[in-house]
């Protein structure tokens, strides 16, 4: 059951990233770009959670998971601070 949730979270993050980046392509709003990039990295983070906890539970992916989460948060924060009008 948990593996299904991990996969669905990865798919949801990927879909959000695609929709945000698609709208950025139409409107050129930089906040959509930063949000889309952030969700792309969050999708990678969710995929790493699935790999870490389901596929290879004997290998510890805590550092790459934390790094991708930090990067996603930093991208979103940078976009919010930089593009606030």
Protein backbone atom coordinates (compact mmCIF):
# COMPACT_ATOMS: atom_id res chain seq x y z
CA UNK A 1 0.00 0.00 0.00
CA UNK A 2 2.79 2.44 0.86
CA UNK A 3 4.48 1.87 -2.49
CA UNK A 4 1.27 2.91 -4.25
CA UNK A 5 1.21 6.17 -2.30
CA UNK A 6 4.86 6.88 -3.18
CA UNK A 7 4.20 6.31 -6.87
CA UNK A 8 1.06 8.47 -6.81
CA UNK A 9 2.94 11.29 -5.08
CA UNK A 10 5.64 11.11 -7.74
CA UNK A 11 3.05 11.22 -10.50
CA UNK A 12 1.20 14.12 -8.88
CA UNK A 13 4.41 16.15 -8.50
CA UNK A 14 5.36 15.41 -12.09
CA UNK A 15 1.95 16.46 -13.35
CA UNK A 16 2.09 19.71 -11.35
CA UNK A 17 5.55 20.43 -12.73
CA UNK A 18 4.43 19.81 -16.30
CA UNK A 19 1.36 22.02 -15.94
CA UNK A 20 3.34 24.83 -14.32
CA UNK A 21 6.08 24.71 -16.95
CA UNK A 22 3.50 24.55 -19.75
CA UNK A 23 1.81 27.68 -18.44
CA UNK A 24 5.20 29.34 -18.10
CA UNK A 25 5.75 28.66 -21.79
CA UNK A 26 2.55 30.52 -22.59
CA UNK A 27 2.71 33.43 -20.16
CA UNK A 28 6.45 33.81 -19.43
CA UNK A 29 5.68 34.47 -15.77
CA UNK A 30 8.92 33.75 -13.94
CA UNK A 31 7.12 32.62 -10.80
CA UNK A 32 5.62 29.77 -12.82
CA UNK A 33 9.12 28.84 -13.96
CA UNK A 34 10.51 28.67 -10.42
CA UNK A 35 7.46 26.78 -9.18
CA UNK A 36 7.70 24.32 -12.07
CA UNK A 37 11.38 23.73 -11.45
CA UNK A 38 10.70 23.24 -7.76
CA UNK A 39 7.99 20.66 -8.45
CA UNK A 40 10.31 18.90 -10.90
CA UNK A 41 12.88 18.45 -8.15
CA UNK A 42 10.14 17.41 -5.72
CA UNK A 43 9.09 14.73 -8.20
CA UNK A 44 12.69 13.51 -8.20
CA UNK A 45 12.63 13.56 -4.41
CA UNK A 46 9.46 11.46 -4.36
CA UNK A 47 11.03 9.00 -6.78
CA UNK A 48 14.03 8.74 -4.46
CA UNK A 49 11.68 7.99 -1.56
CA UNK A 50 10.19 5.13 -3.56
CA UNK A 51 13.62 3.78 -4.48
CA UNK A 52 14.90 4.17 -0.92
CA UNK A 53 11.99 2.61 0.94
CA UNK A 54 10.63 0.09 -1.58
CA UNK A 55 13.18 -0.97 -4.20
CA UNK A 56 16.43 -1.03 -2.22
CA UNK A 57 15.59 -0.63 1.47
CA UNK A 58 19.04 -1.84 2.52
CA UNK A 59 20.69 1.25 0.92
CA UNK A 60 20.36 4.58 2.72
CA UNK A 61 19.33 7.45 0.41
CA UNK A 62 18.81 9.96 3.22
CA UNK A 63 21.45 12.42 2.00
CA UNK A 64 20.29 12.57 -1.66
CA UNK A 65 16.67 12.82 -0.52
CA UNK A 66 17.50 15.67 1.83
CA UNK A 67 19.57 17.41 -0.84
CA UNK A 68 16.79 17.27 -3.41
CA UNK A 69 14.25 18.53 -0.89
CA UNK A 70 16.57 21.40 0.05
CA UNK A 71 17.11 22.26 -3.62
CA UNK A 72 13.37 22.24 -4.35
CA UNK A 73 12.67 24.47 -1.36
CA UNK A 74 15.52 26.81 -2.29
CA UNK A 75 14.25 27.14 -5.87
CA UNK A 76 10.75 27.98 -4.71
CA UNK A 77 11.99 30.42 -2.08
CA UNK A 78 14.32 32.11 -4.56
CA UNK A 79 11.49 32.49 -7.04
CA UNK A 80 9.16 33.91 -4.43
CA UNK A 81 11.71 36.43 -3.16
CA UNK A 82 13.09 37.44 -6.54
CA UNK A 83 9.81 37.79 -8.43
CA UNK A 84 7.68 39.50 -5.81
CA UNK A 85 6.33 42.73 -7.23
